[in-house]
Amino acid sequence: MKLSALNAWDILVLTLIFFGYPILASTGLYFTAAETVGNQAAQQALQFSAHDNWRSILFKGITLLVAFAYLHWRRFDFSQLNFKLNRYTPVKTLAFILLVGVIAAAFDGIQLFLLEPGMEAEAVEGAEQSAESYGFWGFLAAYTAYLSPPFILFALLNGFFEELYFLGLIFCAEKKIFRLVLIFSLFVRFSFHTYQGIDAALTITLLGLVFCLLRLKHKALPPFMLAHSFFNLFGLSYLLNLLYGLWYFLAA
């Protein structure tokens, strides 16, 4: 008989398989950055070379094999994970990108207002100067100049990897522990993004919360995975910035 619901031990084991090392590495980088003047270590941690991307791809590939082996040993019913693509997939993906982008931009603005008063005005002014300096096409080129095949491949795999756990396996937890597991998953998502800084980790955790709420209504995983991959490539607010650049270009 196939296993349809994961218990607490299954969730714990899968969490260690998927994110045990990333959580340790992120925590170490966070404390290293806290001791470094100018947050230099954090900036270096955000810079990935082609070699880093290939290494991450290999790591995630091996991790997925280990996770699959564990789930196969547990006789997990993989058919309950919905990977179906249909004509609504691109529309849902775009809608998720826009929704999360708006929420992330608002949350970042609130953080700036509360933690660094006055910085939100500078951020808006900086966006206007960028739009004026680059123009729409220059703005588009600036955000796509760093794309490379290994980075794109990493982004696609990472979107699949993370949301398979957060929106796939977590949602297969037993009903009696589902709410606790869902809250636990938000802490997990936060904990391996701390290397980017607490403010960024909080924003990413908010993304996770929005995705979880959307997942309650939308069962198919590909739109979430593709939206996540888009954010890996361009950041949470790219599409909003692009639309703002287009509006500024047309209004000028």
C-alpha atoms as a PDB file:
ATOM      1  CA  MET A   1       0.000   0.000   0.000  1.00  0.00           C
ATOM      2  CA  LYS A   2       1.358   3.407  -0.977  1.00  0.00           C
ATOM      3  CA  LEU A   3       1.949   6.171   1.559  1.00  0.00           C
ATOM      4  CA  SER A   4      -0.277   9.194   0.918  1.00  0.00           C
ATOM      5  CA  ALA A   5       0.475  11.297   4.022  1.00  0.00           C
ATOM      6  CA  LEU A   6       3.865  12.119   5.519  1.00  0.00           C
ATOM      7  CA  ASN A   7       4.285  12.047   9.283  1.00  0.00           C
ATOM      8  CA  ALA A   8       6.377  14.395  11.423  1.00  0.00           C
ATOM      9  CA  TRP A   9       9.462  12.186  11.192  1.00  0.00           C
ATOM     10  CA  ASP A  10       9.188  12.095   7.392  1.00  0.00           C
ATOM     11  CA  ILE A  11       9.034  15.897   7.285  1.00  0.00           C
ATOM     12  CA  LEU A  12      12.034  16.189   9.595  1.00  0.00           C
ATOM     13  CA  VAL A  13      14.114  13.733   7.565  1.00  0.00           C
ATOM     14  CA  LEU A  14      13.194  15.433   4.281  1.00  0.00           C
ATOM     15  CA  THR A  15      14.004  18.837   5.767  1.00  0.00           C
ATOM     16  CA  LEU A  16      17.470  17.618   6.730  1.00  0.00           C
ATOM     17  CA  ILE A  17      17.979  16.089   3.281  1.00  0.00           C
ATOM     18  CA  PHE A  18      16.844  19.182   1.378  1.00  0.00           C
ATOM     19  CA  PHE A  19      18.086  21.990   3.594  1.00  0.00           C
ATOM     20  CA  GLY A  20      20.315  20.667   6.373  1.00  0.00           C
ATOM     21  CA  TYR A  21      23.546  21.856   4.766  1.00  0.00           C
ATOM     22  CA  PRO A  22      22.089  25.103   3.284  1.00  0.00           C
ATOM     23  CA  ILE A  23      20.804  26.126   6.734  1.00  0.00           C
ATOM     24  CA  LEU A  24      24.206  25.541   8.335  1.00  0.00           C
ATOM     25  CA  ALA A  25      26.029  27.339   5.509  1.00  0.00           C
ATOM     26  CA  SER A  26      23.623  30.296   5.519  1.00  0.00           C
ATOM     27  CA  THR A  27      23.851  30.679   9.288  1.00  0.00           C
ATOM     28  CA  GLY A  28      27.642  30.628   9.130  1.00  0.00           C
ATOM     29  CA  LEU A  29      27.714  33.253   6.368  1.00  0.00           C
ATOM     30  CA  TYR A  30      25.271  35.452   8.275  1.00  0.00           C
ATOM     31  CA  PHE A  31      27.414  35.552  11.407  1.00  0.00           C
ATOM     32  CA  THR A  32      30.550  36.031   9.316  1.00  0.00           C
ATOM     33  CA  ALA A  33      28.905  38.993   7.589  1.00  0.00           C
ATOM     34  CA  ALA A  34      27.832  40.441  10.939  1.00  0.00           C
ATOM     35  CA  GLU A  35      31.479  40.581  11.985  1.00  0.00           C
ATOM     36  CA  THR A  36      32.647  42.137   8.710  1.00  0.00           C
ATOM     37  CA  VAL A  37      32.774  45.900   8.261  1.00  0.00           C
ATOM     38  CA  GLY A  38      30.473  47.140   5.500  1.00  0.00           C
ATOM     39  CA  ASN A  39      28.769  43.747   5.211  1.00  0.00           C
ATOM     40  CA  GLN A  40      31.388  42.764   2.639  1.00  0.00           C
ATOM     41  CA  ALA A  41      31.003  39.064   3.322  1.00  0.00           C
ATOM     42  CA  ALA A  42      27.273  39.225   2.617  1.00  0.00           C
ATOM     43  CA  GLN A  43      27.892  40.964  -0.694  1.00  0.00           C
ATOM     44  CA  GLN A  44      30.441  38.308  -1.662  1.00  0.00           C
ATOM     45  CA  ALA A  45      27.985  35.567  -0.683  1.00  0.00           C
ATOM     46  CA  LEU A  46      25.463  36.930  -3.193  1.00  0.00           C
ATOM     47  CA  GLN A  47      27.934  36.715  -6.082  1.00  0.00           C
ATOM     48  CA  PHE A  48      27.866  33.400  -7.953  1.00  0.00           C
ATOM     49  CA  SER A  49      30.248  32.354 -10.701  1.00  0.00           C
ATOM     50  CA  ALA A  50      29.474  29.809 -13.417  1.00  0.00           C
ATOM     51  CA  HIS A  51      31.449  27.285 -11.356  1.00  0.00           C
ATOM     52  CA  ASP A  52      29.275  28.030  -8.316  1.00  0.00           C
ATOM     53  CA  ASN A  53      26.131  27.509 -10.392  1.00  0.00           C
ATOM     54  CA  TRP A  54      27.333  24.143 -11.721  1.00  0.00           C
ATOM     55  CA  ARG A  55      28.326  23.064  -8.233  1.00  0.00           C
ATOM     56  CA  SER A  56      24.880  24.037  -6.911  1.00  0.00           C
ATOM     57  CA  ILE A  57      23.208  22.150  -9.756  1.00  0.00           C
ATOM     58  CA  LEU A  58      25.223  19.038  -8.883  1.00  0.00           C
ATOM     59  CA  PHE A  59      24.421  19.390  -5.181  1.00  0.00           C
ATOM     60  CA  LYS A  60      20.700  19.802  -5.798  1.00  0.00           C
ATOM     61  CA  GLY A  61      20.683  16.904  -8.249  1.00  0.00           C
ATOM     62  CA  ILE A  62      22.285  14.581  -5.694  1.00  0.00           C
ATOM     63  CA  THR A  63      19.940  15.878  -2.986  1.00  0.00           C
ATOM     64  CA  LEU A  64      16.899  15.126  -5.147  1.00  0.00           C
ATOM     65  CA  LEU A  65      18.158  11.580  -5.734  1.00  0.00           C
ATOM     66  CA  VAL A  66      18.601  11.040  -1.983  1.00  0.00           C
ATOM     67  CA  ALA A  67      15.134  12.472  -1.286  1.00  0.00           C
ATOM     68  CA  PHE A  68      13.617  10.290  -4.010  1.00  0.00           C
ATOM     69  CA  ALA A  69      15.350   7.214  -2.572  1.00  0.00           C
ATOM     70  CA  TYR A  70      13.953   7.971   0.883  1.00  0.00           C
ATOM     71  CA  LEU A  71      10.422   8.550  -0.431  1.00  0.00           C
ATOM     72  CA  HIS A  72      10.642   5.400  -2.562  1.00  0.00           C
ATOM     73  CA  TRP A  73      11.722   3.438   0.521  1.00  0.00           C
ATOM     74  CA  ARG A  74       8.718   4.890   2.372  1.00  0.00           C
ATOM     75  CA  ARG A  75       6.523   3.847  -0.598  1.00  0.00           C
ATOM     76  CA  PHE A  76       5.324   7.422  -1.042  1.00  0.00           C
ATOM     77  CA  ASP A  77       2.546   7.996  -3.576  1.00  0.00           C
ATOM     78  CA  PHE A  78       4.166  10.423  -6.029  1.00  0.00           C
ATOM     79  CA  SER A  79       0.968  10.671  -8.095  1.00  0.00           C
ATOM     80  CA  GLN A  80      -0.500  13.187  -5.622  1.00  0.00           C
ATOM     81  CA  LEU A  81       2.118  15.747  -6.688  1.00  0.00           C
ATOM     82  CA  ASN A  82       0.550  17.720  -9.539  1.00  0.00           C
ATOM     83  CA  PHE A  83       3.138  18.576 -12.215  1.00  0.00           C
ATOM     84  CA  LYS A  84       0.612  19.048 -15.019  1.00  0.00           C
ATOM     85  CA  LEU A  85       1.088  21.840 -17.553  1.00  0.00           C
ATOM     86  CA  ASN A  86      -1.894  23.378 -19.332  1.00  0.00           C
ATOM     87  CA  ARG A  87      -2.935  26.572 -21.120  1.00  0.00           C
ATOM     88  CA  TYR A  88      -3.420  28.331 -17.788  1.00  0.00           C
ATOM     89  CA  THR A  89       0.149  27.710 -16.600  1.00  0.00           C
ATOM     90  CA  PRO A  90       1.705  30.843 -18.212  1.00  0.00           C
ATOM     91  CA  VAL A  91      -1.191  33.035 -17.020  1.00  0.00           C
ATOM     92  CA  LYS A  92      -0.956  31.759 -13.447  1.00  0.00           C
ATOM     93  CA  THR A  93       2.827  32.123 -13.472  1.00  0.00           C
ATOM     94  CA  LEU A  94       2.596  35.751 -14.580  1.00  0.00           C
ATOM     95  CA  ALA A  95      -0.153  36.455 -12.037  1.00  0.00           C
ATOM     96  CA  PHE A  96       1.933  34.962  -9.219  1.00  0.00           C
ATOM     97  CA  ILE A  97       4.978  36.999 -10.287  1.00  0.00           C
ATOM     98  CA  LEU A  98       2.992  40.246 -10.292  1.00  0.00           C
ATOM     99  CA  LEU A  99       1.186  39.530  -7.019  1.00  0.00           C
ATOM    100  CA  VAL A 100       4.325  38.562  -5.132  1.00  0.00           C
ATOM    101  CA  GLY A 101       6.212  41.466  -6.721  1.00  0.00           C
ATOM    102  CA  VAL A 102       3.640  43.975  -5.456  1.00  0.00           C
ATOM    103  CA  ILE A 103       3.623  42.465  -1.963  1.00  0.00           C
ATOM    104  CA  ALA A 104       7.428  42.267  -1.822  1.00  0.00           C
ATOM    105  CA  ALA A 105       7.795  45.887  -2.968  1.00  0.00           C
ATOM    106  CA  ALA A 106       5.275  47.036  -0.344  1.00  0.00           C
ATOM    107  CA  PHE A 107       6.991  45.006   2.372  1.00  0.00           C
ATOM    108  CA  ASP A 108      10.415  46.373   1.424  1.00  0.00           C
ATOM    109  CA  GLY A 109       8.969  49.884   1.554  1.00  0.00           C
ATOM    110  CA  ILE A 110       7.555  49.261   5.024  1.00  0.00           C
ATOM    111  CA  GLN A 111      10.920  47.920   6.202  1.00  0.00           C
ATOM    112  CA  LEU A 112      12.694  51.005   4.869  1.00  0.00           C
ATOM    113  CA  PHE A 113      10.138  53.296   6.491  1.00  0.00           C
ATOM    114  CA  LEU A 114      10.398  51.588   9.888  1.00  0.00           C
ATOM    115  CA  LEU A 115      14.088  50.725   9.994  1.00  0.00           C
ATOM    116  CA  GLU A 116      15.630  53.472   7.867  1.00  0.00           C
ATOM    117  CA  PRO A 117      13.298  56.507   7.789  1.00  0.00           C
ATOM    118  CA  GLY A 118      13.808  58.653   4.713  1.00  0.00           C
ATOM    119  CA  MET A 119      15.355  55.860   2.662  1.00  0.00           C
ATOM    120  CA  GLU A 120      12.079  55.090   0.882  1.00  0.00           C
ATOM    121  CA  ALA A 121      12.175  58.531  -0.779  1.00  0.00           C
ATOM    122  CA  GLU A 122      15.759  57.906  -1.865  1.00  0.00           C
ATOM    123  CA  ALA A 123      14.726  54.518  -3.273  1.00  0.00           C
ATOM    124  CA  VAL A 124      11.964  56.109  -5.374  1.00  0.00           C
ATOM    125  CA  GLU A 125      14.339  58.841  -6.527  1.00  0.00           C
ATOM    126  CA  GLY A 126      16.918  56.214  -7.437  1.00  0.00           C
ATOM    127  CA  ALA A 127      14.344  54.290  -9.490  1.00  0.00           C
ATOM    128  CA  GLU A 128      13.387  57.471 -11.351  1.00  0.00           C
ATOM    129  CA  GLN A 129      17.039  58.293 -12.058  1.00  0.00           C
ATOM    130  CA  SER A 130      17.642  54.757 -13.319  1.00  0.00           C
ATOM    131  CA  ALA A 131      14.610  54.941 -15.607  1.00  0.00           C
ATOM    132  CA  GLU A 132      15.757  58.321 -16.918  1.00  0.00           C
ATOM    133  CA  SER A 133      19.377  57.237 -17.400  1.00  0.00           C
ATOM    134  CA  TYR A 134      18.810  53.833 -18.968  1.00  0.00           C
ATOM    135  CA  GLY A 135      15.542  54.275 -20.793  1.00  0.00           C
ATOM    136  CA  PHE A 136      13.258  51.281 -21.139  1.00  0.00           C
ATOM    137  CA  TRP A 137      15.480  49.179 -23.399  1.00  0.00           C
ATOM    138  CA  GLY A 138      18.620  50.062 -21.491  1.00  0.00           C
ATOM    139  CA  PHE A 139      16.887  49.106 -18.265  1.00  0.00           C
ATOM    140  CA  LEU A 140      15.862  45.786 -19.818  1.00  0.00           C
ATOM    141  CA  ALA A 141      19.402  45.142 -21.075  1.00  0.00           C
ATOM    142  CA  ALA A 142      20.954  45.990 -17.707  1.00  0.00           C
ATOM    143  CA  TYR A 143      18.835  43.360 -15.970  1.00  0.00           C
ATOM    144  CA  THR A 144      19.530  40.620 -18.516  1.00  0.00           C
ATOM    145  CA  ALA A 145      23.236  41.214 -19.236  1.00  0.00           C
ATOM    146  CA  TYR A 146      24.391  38.811 -16.516  1.00  0.00           C
ATOM    147  CA  LEU A 147      22.233  35.867 -17.625  1.00  0.00           C
ATOM    148  CA  SER A 148      24.136  32.754 -18.668  1.00  0.00           C
ATOM    149  CA  PRO A 149      23.156  29.139 -19.485  1.00  0.00           C
ATOM    150  CA  PRO A 150      24.392  27.725 -16.137  1.00  0.00           C
ATOM    151  CA  PHE A 151      22.620  30.490 -14.209  1.00  0.00           C
ATOM    152  CA  ILE A 152      19.352  29.913 -16.086  1.00  0.00           C
ATOM    153  CA  LEU A 153      19.632  26.156 -15.550  1.00  0.00           C
ATOM    154  CA  PHE A 154      20.347  26.701 -11.858  1.00  0.00           C
ATOM    155  CA  ALA A 155      17.337  29.033 -11.520  1.00  0.00           C
ATOM    156  CA  LEU A 156      14.990  26.499 -13.129  1.00  0.00           C
ATOM    157  CA  LEU A 157      16.286  23.638 -11.002  1.00  0.00           C
ATOM    158  CA  ASN A 158      16.211  25.728  -7.833  1.00  0.00           C
ATOM    159  CA  GLY A 159      12.576  26.716  -8.418  1.00  0.00           C
ATOM    160  CA  PHE A 160      11.674  23.056  -8.857  1.00  0.00           C
ATOM    161  CA  PHE A 161      13.824  21.961  -5.911  1.00  0.00           C
ATOM    162  CA  GLU A 162      12.531  24.387  -3.292  1.00  0.00           C
ATOM    163  CA  GLU A 163       8.849  24.376  -4.212  1.00  0.00           C
ATOM    164  CA  LEU A 164       8.829  20.584  -4.477  1.00  0.00           C
ATOM    165  CA  TYR A 165       9.549  20.610  -0.758  1.00  0.00           C
ATOM    166  CA  PHE A 166       7.552  23.662   0.354  1.00  0.00           C
ATOM    167  CA  LEU A 167       4.449  23.330  -1.826  1.00  0.00           C
ATOM    168  CA  GLY A 168       4.621  19.664  -2.735  1.00  0.00           C
ATOM    169  CA  LEU A 169       5.855  17.490   0.113  1.00  0.00           C
ATOM    170  CA  ILE A 170       4.840  19.839   2.938  1.00  0.00           C
ATOM    171  CA  PHE A 171       1.271  19.788   1.614  1.00  0.00           C
ATOM    172  CA  CYS A 172       1.350  15.991   1.812  1.00  0.00           C
ATOM    173  CA  ALA A 173       1.765  16.072   5.598  1.00  0.00           C
ATOM    174  CA  GLU A 174      -0.823  14.359   7.776  1.00  0.00           C
ATOM    175  CA  LYS A 175      -3.864  16.553   8.386  1.00  0.00           C
ATOM    176  CA  LYS A 176      -3.419  16.534  12.159  1.00  0.00           C
ATOM    177  CA  ILE A 177       0.036  18.126  11.883  1.00  0.00           C
ATOM    178  CA  PHE A 178      -0.430  20.128   8.674  1.00  0.00           C
ATOM    179  CA  ARG A 179      -0.770  23.576  10.256  1.00  0.00           C
ATOM    180  CA  LEU A 180       2.277  23.100  12.466  1.00  0.00           C
ATOM    181  CA  VAL A 181       4.274  21.736   9.533  1.00  0.00           C
ATOM    182  CA  LEU A 182       3.250  24.717   7.401  1.00  0.00           C
ATOM    183  CA  ILE A 183       4.496  27.159  10.058  1.00  0.00           C
ATOM    184  CA  PHE A 184       7.668  25.085  10.447  1.00  0.00           C
ATOM    185  CA  SER A 185       8.275  25.324   6.690  1.00  0.00           C
ATOM    186  CA  LEU A 186       8.255  29.133   6.880  1.00  0.00           C
ATOM    187  CA  PHE A 187      11.016  29.010   9.489  1.00  0.00           C
ATOM    188  CA  VAL A 188      12.945  26.634   7.231  1.00  0.00           C
ATOM    189  CA  ARG A 189      12.583  28.988   4.250  1.00  0.00           C
ATOM    190  CA  PHE A 190      13.786  31.886   6.397  1.00  0.00           C
ATOM    191  CA  SER A 191      16.728  30.010   7.901  1.00  0.00           C
ATOM    192  CA  PHE A 192      18.611  29.198   4.693  1.00  0.00           C
ATOM    193  CA  HIS A 193      18.227  32.718   3.290  1.00  0.00           C
ATOM    194  CA  THR A 194      19.774  34.552   6.251  1.00  0.00           C
ATOM    195  CA  TYR A 195      23.073  34.875   4.353  1.00  0.00           C
ATOM    196  CA  GLN A 196      21.331  37.584   2.303  1.00  0.00           C
ATOM    197  CA  GLY A 197      20.516  39.535   5.463  1.00  0.00           C
ATOM    198  CA  ILE A 198      17.562  39.379   7.848  1.00  0.00           C
ATOM    199  CA  ASP A 199      15.506  41.896   5.853  1.00  0.00           C
ATOM    200  CA  ALA A 200      15.910  39.896   2.634  1.00  0.00           C
ATOM    201  CA  ALA A 201      15.196  36.623   4.452  1.00  0.00           C
ATOM    202  CA  LEU A 202      11.985  38.110   5.858  1.00  0.00           C
ATOM    203  CA  THR A 203      10.904  39.244   2.387  1.00  0.00           C
ATOM    204  CA  ILE A 204      11.583  35.780   0.962  1.00  0.00           C
ATOM    205  CA  THR A 205       9.661  34.205   3.843  1.00  0.00           C
ATOM    206  CA  LEU A 206       6.740  36.484   3.004  1.00  0.00           C
ATOM    207  CA  LEU A 207       6.947  35.159  -0.554  1.00  0.00           C
ATOM    208  CA  GLY A 208       6.708  31.679   0.918  1.00  0.00           C
ATOM    209  CA  LEU A 209       3.641  32.613   2.949  1.00  0.00           C
ATOM    210  CA  VAL A 210       1.903  34.068  -0.115  1.00  0.00           C
ATOM    211  CA  PHE A 211       2.774  30.949  -2.104  1.00  0.00           C
ATOM    212  CA  CYS A 212       1.355  28.739   0.667  1.00  0.00           C
ATOM    213  CA  LEU A 213      -1.923  30.671   0.690  1.00  0.00           C
ATOM    214  CA  LEU A 214      -2.155  30.456  -3.102  1.00  0.00           C
ATOM    215  CA  ARG A 215      -1.301  26.753  -2.981  1.00  0.00           C
ATOM    216  CA  LEU A 216      -4.416  26.110  -0.886  1.00  0.00           C
ATOM    217  CA  LYS A 217      -6.483  27.076  -3.951  1.00  0.00           C
ATOM    218  CA  HIS A 218      -4.168  26.070  -6.802  1.00  0.00           C
ATOM    219  CA  LYS A 219      -2.943  22.471  -6.837  1.00  0.00           C
ATOM    220  CA  ALA A 220      -0.611  22.512  -9.861  1.00  0.00           C
ATOM    221  CA  LEU A 221       3.039  23.065  -8.916  1.00  0.00           C
ATOM    222  CA  PRO A 222       4.586  24.316 -12.219  1.00  0.00           C
ATOM    223  CA  PRO A 223       3.293  27.943 -11.971  1.00  0.00           C
ATOM    224  CA  PHE A 224       4.849  28.282  -8.515  1.00  0.00           C
ATOM    225  CA  MET A 225       8.100  26.685  -9.624  1.00  0.00           C
ATOM    226  CA  LEU A 226       8.351  28.883 -12.718  1.00  0.00           C
ATOM    227  CA  ALA A 227       7.554  32.033 -10.731  1.00  0.00           C
ATOM    228  CA  HIS A 228      10.237  31.081  -8.209  1.00  0.00           C
ATOM    229  CA  SER A 229      12.720  30.537 -11.053  1.00  0.00           C
ATOM    230  CA  PHE A 230      11.844  33.970 -12.438  1.00  0.00           C
ATOM    231  CA  PHE A 231      12.601  35.532  -9.057  1.00  0.00           C
ATOM    232  CA  ASN A 232      15.908  33.646  -8.945  1.00  0.00           C
ATOM    233  CA  LEU A 233      16.863  35.205 -12.265  1.00  0.00           C
ATOM    234  CA  PHE A 234      15.627  38.766 -11.849  1.00  0.00           C
ATOM    235  CA  GLY A 235      14.633  39.396  -8.234  1.00  0.00           C
ATOM    236  CA  LEU A 236      11.233  39.900  -6.655  1.00  0.00           C
ATOM    237  CA  SER A 237      10.494  43.365  -8.049  1.00  0.00           C
ATOM    238  CA  TYR A 238      11.927  43.073 -11.560  1.00  0.00           C
ATOM    239  CA  LEU A 239       8.630  42.927 -13.436  1.00  0.00           C
ATOM    240  CA  LEU A 240       7.268  45.879 -11.465  1.00  0.00           C
ATOM    241  CA  ASN A 241      10.452  47.851 -12.152  1.00  0.00           C
ATOM    242  CA  LEU A 242      10.192  46.940 -15.824  1.00  0.00           C
ATOM    243  CA  LEU A 243       6.582  48.138 -15.986  1.00  0.00           C
ATOM    244  CA  TYR A 244       7.582  51.320 -14.158  1.00  0.00           C
ATOM    245  CA  GLY A 245      10.406  51.849 -16.653  1.00  0.00           C
ATOM    246  CA  LEU A 246       7.968  51.364 -19.543  1.00  0.00           C
ATOM    247  CA  TRP A 247       5.481  53.805 -17.990  1.00  0.00           C
ATOM    248  CA  TYR A 248       8.243  56.376 -17.420  1.00  0.00           C
ATOM    249  CA  PHE A 249       9.488  55.879 -20.994  1.00  0.00           C
ATOM    250  CA  LEU A 250       6.001  56.373 -22.487  1.00  0.00           C
ATOM    251  CA  ALA A 251       5.195  59.339 -20.227  1.00  0.00           C
ATOM    252  CA  ALA A 252       8.439  61.166 -21.000  1.00  0.00           C
END
